[in-house]
C-alpha cells in the first residue's frame, strides 16, 4: 500500500490531486485542517490535508512470508509519530516555546488520534490479506464471501476462477461479476433430485442428525408432499423411542393425512416394518436425534439404519449451527453412511456460507432446505441457483 499526504485549499482539490497521482482506486485514510507554512502562515487561510492510500504491487514481505504493510505505509506512520513525539518533547522541556506556542496538548492528542485512525483503516483494508492481489470489484466480492462465512481458501478459489473466466471491462462490472460468482458457487456443490415414486419399487428414505434439527417436522413435510402432490402411497416409521412427544407428533400427523405409521423399537423391528410396507411407494424413516459426542448412541442408531437398508440417508444439519459443529456432526455420523445433506432452519441463520463449506468438503449432494415449521409449505428442493443466491446474496429466489 502506497500512502502519501496531499495539501490543497479545499477537500475537493486535495482529492483530485490524490486521484491524479495515485489513481482512481486511491482511498482517503484521514483529513485535517493545517496552517500554511512560513512566518505569516497563521494569517493565511487554513489548508486541507488528506492522507491518501492505494494498493502497491510491491508489498513488503515479512520474515514469516505473510503479506504485510508496504514500506511506504511504515515510513509515513513512523514520520507522523516522530513529528508528534518531537512536539510533545519540546513542550515538556519548555524549549523554544515561541516556535511551538500554537501547539498545545489538545492538538497533539488530535494528531495522535489521526495516526490511530489511519492505522485502523489500514488494518481494516488489509484485514483479508489475500485479497490485496485483486482488482477493486473482486476484492469487494471476496470480502462479501468471507463475511458470509465462506472459508478463505474457498473464497480465493471462487475469485480466481472469476479472474480466469472474465476479462477487461467485465471484471469492473459488479453485476457481471456477481452473476459469474453465482455460477461458480453452483458448480462447487452437488445436488440430488427428489425421488419420483414408481409403482415397481419401494423407496426407503431415512433422516438422521443431532438433536433439535427438525427431523420429525421434515419427515412430516415430505410425507405430505408425496401423499398430496405425488399421489404416492406413503408409510412412516419412527425409530425415535426416546422422545414420546416425537412419536405423538408424527402419529397425529399420520392420522390427519391418513398415512400408516409404525414404531421400531429394535433393529429387528425396523427390518420387519420395512418388509411390511413393501407395497408402498415411499417409506420415510424418522430417527432419534443423537449427540455426536456419544459414540455408543451413534453406533446403536447405525444398527437401525443398516436394518432398514435405505436408498437415501439424509444427514439433517441446522443452518444455525457453527461450521465447526457441522463438521464434527458429519464426522461422527459418517458411520451411518449418509448420502444426502439436508439443511434445516435456513430462515433462522445469520449467514449461509457454511452450506458451501460443508457441501464442498464432504462432496455429498444437497437434497432439501427447510425454512420454517409449516407443513408442508416450508421446505424446498435444493437447486443450484437457489442455494448459490442464498449463500452469496442471502435471498431465496
Protein backbone atom coordinates (compact mmCIF):
# COMPACT_ATOMS: atom_id res chain seq x y z
CA UNK A 1 0.00 0.00 0.00
CA UNK A 2 1.39 3.40 -1.02
CA UNK A 3 0.44 6.28 1.30
CA UNK A 4 1.04 9.98 0.75
CA UNK A 5 -0.13 13.35 2.11
CA UNK A 6 -1.77 15.95 -0.13
CA UNK A 7 -2.47 19.60 0.75
CA UNK A 8 -4.83 21.96 -1.09
CA UNK A 9 -7.20 24.86 -0.30
CA UNK A 10 -10.28 22.56 -0.43
CA UNK A 11 -11.07 18.89 0.13
CA UNK A 12 -12.21 18.58 -3.48
CA UNK A 13 -8.91 19.91 -4.82
CA UNK A 14 -6.87 17.74 -2.48
CA UNK A 15 -8.86 14.68 -3.55
CA UNK A 16 -8.37 15.50 -7.22
CA UNK A 17 -4.61 15.81 -6.71
CA UNK A 18 -4.59 12.47 -4.87
CA UNK A 19 -6.56 10.76 -7.67
CA UNK A 20 -4.32 12.21 -10.38
CA UNK A 21 -1.18 10.96 -8.63
CA UNK A 22 -2.31 7.69 -7.04
CA UNK A 23 -5.12 6.72 -9.41
CA UNK A 24 -8.89 6.27 -9.17
CA UNK A 25 -8.60 3.37 -6.72
CA UNK A 26 -6.97 5.59 -4.08
CA UNK A 27 -8.81 5.96 -0.78
CA UNK A 28 -8.71 8.69 1.89
CA UNK A 29 -7.39 7.48 5.25
CA UNK A 30 -7.74 10.80 7.06
CA UNK A 31 -8.27 14.55 6.72
CA UNK A 32 -7.43 17.64 8.79
CA UNK A 33 -7.03 21.41 8.54
CA UNK A 34 -3.44 22.73 8.59
CA UNK A 35 -1.91 26.21 8.70
CA UNK A 36 0.13 27.33 5.74
CA UNK A 37 3.93 27.26 6.17
CA UNK A 38 6.01 30.36 6.81
CA UNK A 39 6.31 33.06 9.44
CA UNK A 40 2.99 34.63 8.41
CA UNK A 41 1.27 31.32 7.82
CA UNK A 42 -1.12 31.90 10.68
CA UNK A 43 -2.51 34.95 8.80
CA UNK A 44 -3.33 32.91 5.69
CA UNK A 45 -6.43 30.71 5.19
CA UNK A 46 -6.07 27.16 6.51
CA UNK A 47 -5.43 24.37 4.01
CA UNK A 48 -6.92 20.90 3.84
CA UNK A 49 -4.51 17.99 4.27
CA UNK A 50 -5.58 14.46 3.35
CA UNK A 51 -3.76 11.16 3.73
CA UNK A 52 -4.34 9.09 0.59
CA UNK A 53 -3.57 5.42 0.01
CA UNK A 54 -3.55 2.97 -2.88
CA UNK A 55 -2.52 -0.66 -3.18
CA UNK A 56 1.12 -1.12 -4.18
CA UNK A 57 2.12 -4.09 -6.29
CA UNK A 58 5.37 -4.29 -4.35
CA UNK A 59 4.14 -5.48 -0.98
CA UNK A 60 6.58 -5.63 1.88
CA UNK A 61 7.05 -9.29 2.84
CA UNK A 62 7.60 -10.04 6.49
CA UNK A 63 10.01 -12.69 7.73
CA UNK A 64 7.29 -15.34 8.04
CA UNK A 65 6.25 -14.93 4.42
CA UNK A 66 2.91 -13.31 5.20
CA UNK A 67 1.74 -10.28 3.31
CA UNK A 68 2.21 -7.17 5.43
CA UNK A 69 2.05 -3.40 5.18
CA UNK A 70 4.03 -1.68 2.43
CA UNK A 71 7.26 0.12 3.21
CA UNK A 72 5.65 3.46 2.28
CA UNK A 73 2.99 2.87 4.90
CA UNK A 74 5.52 2.05 7.58
CA UNK A 75 7.69 5.08 6.73
CA UNK A 76 4.79 7.52 6.74
CA UNK A 77 3.43 6.31 10.06
CA UNK A 78 6.92 6.47 11.55
CA UNK A 79 7.32 10.06 10.36
CA UNK A 80 3.91 11.07 11.65
CA UNK A 81 4.63 9.51 15.02
CA UNK A 82 8.13 11.03 15.17
CA UNK A 83 6.79 14.53 14.43
CA UNK A 84 4.22 14.22 17.18
CA UNK A 85 6.80 12.99 19.69
CA UNK A 86 9.09 15.92 18.81
CA UNK A 87 6.31 18.40 19.53
CA UNK A 88 5.50 16.65 22.79
CA UNK A 89 9.17 16.65 23.86
CA UNK A 90 9.65 20.35 23.13
CA UNK A 91 6.56 21.22 25.09
CA UNK A 92 7.64 19.11 28.04
CA UNK A 93 11.14 20.60 28.10
CA UNK A 94 9.93 24.16 27.57
CA UNK A 95 12.45 24.59 24.77
CA UNK A 96 11.81 27.11 22.00
CA UNK A 97 8.40 27.83 23.39
CA UNK A 98 7.72 30.59 20.90
CA UNK A 99 8.11 28.27 17.94
CA UNK A 100 5.66 25.82 19.38
CA UNK A 101 3.25 28.13 21.16
CA UNK A 102 0.50 27.36 18.68
CA UNK A 103 0.72 23.69 19.59
CA UNK A 104 -0.93 22.52 22.74
CA UNK A 105 -1.63 19.12 24.17
CA UNK A 106 -5.12 19.02 22.69
CA UNK A 107 -3.65 19.42 19.19
CA UNK A 108 -1.05 16.75 19.82
CA UNK A 109 -3.76 14.47 21.15
CA UNK A 110 -5.75 15.13 17.98
CA UNK A 111 -2.76 14.21 15.81
CA UNK A 112 -2.18 11.00 17.78
CA UNK A 113 -5.84 10.15 17.21
CA UNK A 114 -5.31 10.69 13.48
CA UNK A 115 -2.46 8.18 13.47
CA UNK A 116 -4.66 5.68 15.31
CA UNK A 117 -7.48 6.18 12.81
CA UNK A 118 -5.08 5.76 9.90
CA UNK A 119 -3.77 2.52 11.39
CA UNK A 120 -7.30 1.25 11.98
CA UNK A 121 -8.26 1.96 8.39
CA UNK A 122 -5.12 0.27 7.10
CA UNK A 123 -5.80 -2.74 9.33
CA UNK A 124 -9.36 -2.95 8.06
CA UNK A 125 -8.20 -2.53 4.47
CA UNK A 126 -5.70 -5.36 4.89
CA UNK A 127 -7.98 -7.48 7.04
CA UNK A 128 -8.14 -10.15 4.40
CA UNK A 129 -4.55 -10.10 3.25
CA UNK A 130 -5.06 -12.50 0.36
CA UNK A 131 -7.46 -10.01 -1.24
CA UNK A 132 -4.67 -7.49 -1.82
CA UNK A 133 -3.94 -9.01 -5.22
CA UNK A 134 -7.48 -8.48 -6.56
CA UNK A 135 -8.99 -5.55 -8.50
CA UNK A 136 -11.45 -3.44 -6.50
CA UNK A 137 -14.67 -5.17 -7.64
CA UNK A 138 -13.24 -8.64 -6.98
CA UNK A 139 -11.82 -7.50 -3.66
CA UNK A 140 -15.30 -6.39 -2.62
CA UNK A 141 -16.72 -9.73 -3.75
CA UNK A 142 -14.02 -11.60 -1.83
CA UNK A 143 -14.80 -9.72 1.38
CA UNK A 144 -18.50 -10.43 0.87
CA UNK A 145 -17.77 -14.17 0.65
CA UNK A 146 -15.67 -14.06 3.81
CA UNK A 147 -18.38 -12.14 5.66
CA UNK A 148 -20.85 -14.85 4.64
CA UNK A 149 -18.51 -17.29 6.47
CA UNK A 150 -17.16 -18.94 3.32
CA UNK A 151 -13.74 -20.40 4.09
CA UNK A 152 -10.90 -18.16 2.92
CA UNK A 153 -9.29 -20.82 0.70
CA UNK A 154 -12.62 -21.49 -0.95
CA UNK A 155 -13.33 -17.77 -1.38
CA UNK A 156 -9.96 -17.38 -3.09
CA UNK A 157 -10.75 -20.31 -5.36
CA UNK A 158 -14.01 -18.63 -6.40
CA UNK A 159 -12.41 -15.23 -7.09
CA UNK A 160 -9.50 -16.74 -9.01
CA UNK A 161 -11.97 -18.63 -11.17
CA UNK A 162 -13.73 -15.33 -11.89
CA UNK A 163 -10.37 -13.90 -12.98
CA UNK A 164 -9.93 -16.86 -15.32
CA UNK A 165 -13.42 -16.68 -16.79
CA UNK A 166 -13.75 -12.89 -17.19
CA UNK A 167 -11.50 -10.18 -18.56
CA UNK A 168 -11.37 -6.48 -19.42
CA UNK A 169 -14.38 -4.34 -18.56
CA UNK A 170 -16.34 -7.38 -17.34
CA UNK A 171 -14.11 -7.50 -14.25
CA UNK A 172 -15.14 -3.93 -13.41
CA UNK A 173 -18.89 -4.64 -13.70
CA UNK A 174 -20.33 -5.70 -10.35
CA UNK A 175 -23.43 -7.27 -11.91
CA UNK A 176 -21.40 -9.41 -14.31
CA UNK A 177 -19.00 -10.44 -11.54
CA UNK A 178 -21.89 -11.30 -9.22
CA UNK A 179 -23.56 -13.44 -11.87
CA UNK A 180 -20.29 -15.27 -12.51
CA UNK A 181 -19.81 -15.91 -8.78
CA UNK A 182 -23.32 -17.35 -8.52
CA UNK A 183 -22.50 -19.75 -11.36
CA UNK A 184 -19.20 -20.76 -9.79
CA UNK A 185 -20.74 -21.38 -6.36
CA UNK A 186 -23.45 -23.50 -8.01
CA UNK A 187 -20.78 -25.59 -9.69
CA UNK A 188 -18.84 -26.21 -6.48
CA UNK A 189 -21.71 -28.20 -4.94
CA UNK A 190 -23.55 -31.37 -5.85
CA UNK A 191 -27.33 -31.66 -5.86
CA UNK A 192 -29.74 -34.58 -5.79
CA UNK A 193 -33.16 -34.74 -7.41
CA UNK A 194 -36.17 -35.79 -5.32
CA UNK A 195 -37.27 -39.39 -5.53
CA UNK A 196 -40.04 -39.88 -8.07
CA UNK A 197 -42.45 -42.63 -6.99
CA UNK A 198 -42.73 -45.59 -9.35
CA UNK A 199 -45.07 -48.50 -8.79
CA UNK A 200 -42.37 -51.11 -9.40
CA UNK A 201 -40.12 -50.07 -6.47
CA UNK A 202 -40.38 -49.02 -2.85
CA UNK A 203 -38.01 -46.18 -1.98
CA UNK A 204 -36.80 -46.04 1.61
CA UNK A 205 -35.63 -42.65 2.89
CA UNK A 206 -34.07 -42.25 6.36
CA UNK A 207 -33.37 -38.98 8.15
CA UNK A 208 -30.60 -38.75 10.74
CA UNK A 209 -28.85 -35.99 12.66
CA UNK A 210 -28.26 -34.43 16.05
CA UNK A 211 -30.98 -33.39 18.44
CA UNK A 212 -33.17 -30.41 17.71
CA UNK A 213 -32.53 -30.01 13.99
CA UNK A 214 -36.14 -30.69 12.96
CA UNK A 215 -36.06 -34.22 11.56
CA UNK A 216 -39.61 -35.12 12.59
CA UNK A 217 -41.13 -31.98 11.08
CA UNK A 218 -39.10 -32.52 7.90
CA UNK A 219 -40.37 -36.09 7.59
CA UNK A 220 -43.96 -34.85 8.02
CA UNK A 221 -43.46 -32.21 5.30
CA UNK A 222 -42.12 -34.73 2.80
CA UNK A 223 -44.83 -37.25 3.66
CA UNK A 224 -47.49 -34.64 2.97
CA UNK A 225 -45.88 -33.63 -0.33
CA UNK A 226 -45.64 -37.22 -1.57
CA UNK A 227 -49.16 -38.04 -0.38
CA UNK A 228 -50.93 -34.89 -1.59
CA UNK A 229 -48.97 -33.79 -4.65
CA UNK A 230 -47.44 -37.01 -5.97
CA UNK A 231 -50.42 -39.25 -5.11
CA UNK A 232 -47.92 -41.74 -3.73
CA UNK A 233 -48.62 -44.48 -1.24
CA UNK A 234 -46.59 -43.47 1.82
CA UNK A 235 -45.69 -45.19 5.10
CA UNK A 236 -43.98 -43.69 8.15
CA UNK A 237 -41.66 -45.48 10.57
CA UNK A 238 -40.39 -43.82 13.72
CA UNK A 239 -37.29 -45.05 15.50
CA UNK A 240 -37.40 -42.17 17.97
CA UNK A 241 -38.43 -44.16 21.02
CA UNK A 242 -36.58 -41.82 23.37
CA UNK A 243 -38.99 -38.95 22.81
CA UNK A 244 -42.64 -39.85 23.30
CA UNK A 245 -43.58 -36.38 22.05
CA UNK A 246 -41.90 -37.08 18.71
CA UNK A 247 -43.91 -40.26 18.21
CA UNK A 248 -47.13 -38.50 19.21
CA UNK A 249 -46.38 -35.60 16.86
CA UNK A 250 -45.77 -37.90 13.90
CA UNK A 251 -48.75 -40.11 14.80
CA UNK A 252 -51.07 -37.09 14.93
CA UNK A 253 -49.91 -36.00 11.50
CA UNK A 254 -50.22 -39.56 10.15
CA UNK A 255 -53.81 -39.80 11.35
CA UNK A 256 -54.75 -36.47 9.74
CA UNK A 257 -53.07 -37.37 6.44
CA UNK A 258 -54.37 -40.95 6.53
CA UNK A 259 -50.86 -42.37 6.32
CA UNK A 260 -49.94 -45.62 8.12
CA UNK A 261 -47.28 -45.27 10.81
CA UNK A 262 -45.35 -47.79 12.90
CA UNK A 263 -42.72 -47.60 15.62
CA UNK A 264 -39.48 -49.61 15.51
CA UNK A 265 -38.14 -50.36 18.98
CA UNK A 266 -35.29 -52.59 17.82
CA UNK A 267 -33.26 -53.09 14.63
CA UNK A 268 -35.24 -56.30 14.10
CA UNK A 269 -38.47 -54.29 14.26
CA UNK A 270 -37.08 -51.93 11.66
CA UNK A 271 -36.31 -54.70 9.18
CA UNK A 272 -39.75 -56.27 9.73
CA UNK A 273 -41.62 -52.98 9.26
CA UNK A 274 -39.76 -52.12 6.06
CA UNK A 275 -40.78 -55.55 4.69
CA UNK A 276 -44.35 -54.92 5.87
CA UNK A 277 -44.64 -51.78 3.75
CA UNK A 278 -43.14 -53.12 0.55
CA UNK A 279 -46.45 -52.37 -1.13
CA UNK A 280 -45.86 -48.63 -0.59
CA UNK A 281 -44.12 -46.23 -2.98
CA UNK A 282 -42.26 -44.30 -0.28
CA UNK A 283 -41.20 -45.25 3.24
CA UNK A 284 -39.98 -42.34 5.36
CA UNK A 285 -38.00 -43.15 8.50
CA UNK A 286 -37.69 -40.69 11.39
CA UNK A 287 -34.85 -41.40 13.81
CA UNK A 288 -33.88 -40.28 17.27
CA UNK A 289 -31.63 -37.25 17.49
CA UNK A 290 -28.20 -38.15 18.78
CA UNK A 291 -25.43 -36.18 20.42
CA UNK A 292 -22.47 -36.70 18.11
CA UNK A 293 -20.16 -36.92 21.11
CA UNK A 294 -21.86 -40.05 22.40
CA UNK A 295 -20.39 -42.69 20.15
CA UNK A 296 -22.28 -45.61 21.68
CA UNK A 297 -25.61 -43.97 20.78
CA UNK A 298 -24.44 -43.31 17.22
CA UNK A 299 -23.43 -46.95 16.79
CA UNK A 300 -26.78 -48.05 18.21
CA UNK A 301 -28.58 -45.91 15.64
CA UNK A 302 -26.35 -47.35 12.92
CA UNK A 303 -27.87 -50.78 13.58
CA UNK A 304 -31.36 -49.41 12.89
CA UNK A 305 -30.20 -47.77 9.65
CA UNK A 306 -28.46 -50.94 8.49
CA UNK A 307 -31.60 -52.97 9.14
CA UNK A 308 -33.70 -50.53 7.11
CA UNK A 309 -31.27 -50.70 4.16
CA UNK A 310 -32.44 -47.28 2.89
CA UNK A 311 -31.96 -45.89 -0.60
CA UNK A 312 -31.20 -42.46 0.81
CA UNK A 313 -29.83 -41.38 4.18
CA UNK A 314 -30.29 -37.64 4.66
CA UNK A 315 -27.99 -36.06 7.23
CA UNK A 316 -30.04 -33.16 8.63
CA UNK A 317 -27.97 -30.17 9.77
CA UNK A 318 -29.24 -26.93 11.25
CA UNK A 319 -28.11 -23.88 9.26
CA UNK A 320 -27.89 -22.02 12.58
CA UNK A 321 -25.12 -24.28 13.83
CA UNK A 322 -21.44 -23.35 13.63
CA UNK A 323 -19.32 -24.74 10.82
CA UNK A 324 -17.03 -26.43 13.35
CA UNK A 325 -20.03 -28.19 14.88
CA UNK A 326 -21.35 -29.23 11.45
CA UNK A 327 -18.04 -30.85 10.56
CA UNK A 328 -17.98 -32.63 13.91
CA UNK A 329 -21.51 -33.93 13.32
CA UNK A 330 -20.63 -35.10 9.83
CA UNK A 331 -17.50 -36.91 11.01
CA UNK A 332 -19.35 -38.71 13.80
CA UNK A 333 -22.41 -39.59 11.68
CA UNK A 334 -20.33 -41.00 8.82
CA UNK A 335 -20.80 -44.43 10.36
CA UNK A 336 -24.45 -44.17 9.22
CA UNK A 337 -23.23 -43.74 5.62
CA UNK A 338 -25.26 -40.61 4.77
CA UNK A 339 -25.56 -39.90 1.04
CA UNK A 340 -27.51 -36.62 1.17
CA UNK A 341 -27.25 -33.32 3.06
CA UNK A 342 -30.41 -31.52 4.20
CA UNK A 343 -30.18 -28.08 5.82
CA UNK A 344 -32.95 -27.04 8.20
CA UNK A 345 -33.74 -23.66 9.79
CA UNK A 346 -32.29 -21.73 6.86
CA UNK A 347 -34.65 -18.86 7.70
CA UNK A 348 -33.04 -18.51 11.15
CA UNK A 349 -29.40 -18.44 10.01
CA UNK A 350 -27.38 -15.21 10.13
CA UNK A 351 -25.22 -16.26 7.18
CA UNK A 352 -25.11 -19.33 4.97
CA UNK A 353 -21.54 -19.73 3.78
CA UNK A 354 -21.36 -22.85 5.93
CA UNK A 355 -23.58 -24.62 3.42
CA UNK A 356 -20.98 -24.17 0.71
CA UNK A 357 -18.12 -25.10 3.03
CA UNK A 358 -19.53 -28.42 4.16
CA UNK A 359 -21.06 -29.35 0.80
CA UNK A 360 -17.70 -28.74 -0.88
CA UNK A 361 -15.75 -30.59 1.78
CA UNK A 362 -18.00 -33.65 2.09
CA UNK A 363 -18.93 -33.88 -1.62
CA UNK A 364 -22.40 -35.02 -0.53
CA UNK A 365 -25.28 -33.77 -2.70
CA UNK A 366 -27.78 -31.36 -1.21
CA UNK A 367 -31.37 -32.58 -1.17
CA UNK A 368 -33.65 -30.06 0.60
CA UNK A 369 -33.67 -26.92 2.72
CA UNK A 370 -36.34 -26.06 5.26
CA UNK A 371 -37.42 -22.50 6.04
CA UNK A 372 -39.93 -22.78 8.88
CA UNK A 373 -42.33 -25.04 10.78
CA UNK A 374 -45.33 -25.03 8.45
CA UNK A 375 -46.29 -28.44 7.00
CA UNK A 376 -45.87 -28.96 4.10
CA UNK A 377 -45.02 -25.44 2.91
CA UNK A 378 -41.67 -24.55 4.47
CA UNK A 379 -39.45 -26.92 2.52
CA UNK A 380 -37.78 -26.59 -0.87
CA UNK A 381 -35.73 -28.76 -3.17
CA UNK A 382 -32.09 -27.68 -3.09
CA UNK A 383 -31.45 -26.31 -6.56
CA UNK A 384 -28.06 -24.92 -7.67
CA UNK A 385 -29.01 -21.33 -8.37
CA UNK A 386 -31.35 -21.10 -5.37
CA UNK A 387 -28.65 -22.24 -2.95
CA UNK A 388 -25.94 -20.09 -4.57
CA UNK A 389 -28.15 -16.99 -4.22
CA UNK A 390 -28.85 -17.88 -0.59
CA UNK A 391 -25.14 -18.16 0.15
CA UNK A 392 -23.91 -15.07 -1.69
CA UNK A 393 -26.89 -12.70 -1.65
CA UNK A 394 -28.94 -14.11 1.26
CA UNK A 395 -32.09 -14.16 -0.83
CA UNK A 396 -34.38 -17.11 -1.52
CA UNK A 397 -35.38 -16.97 -5.19
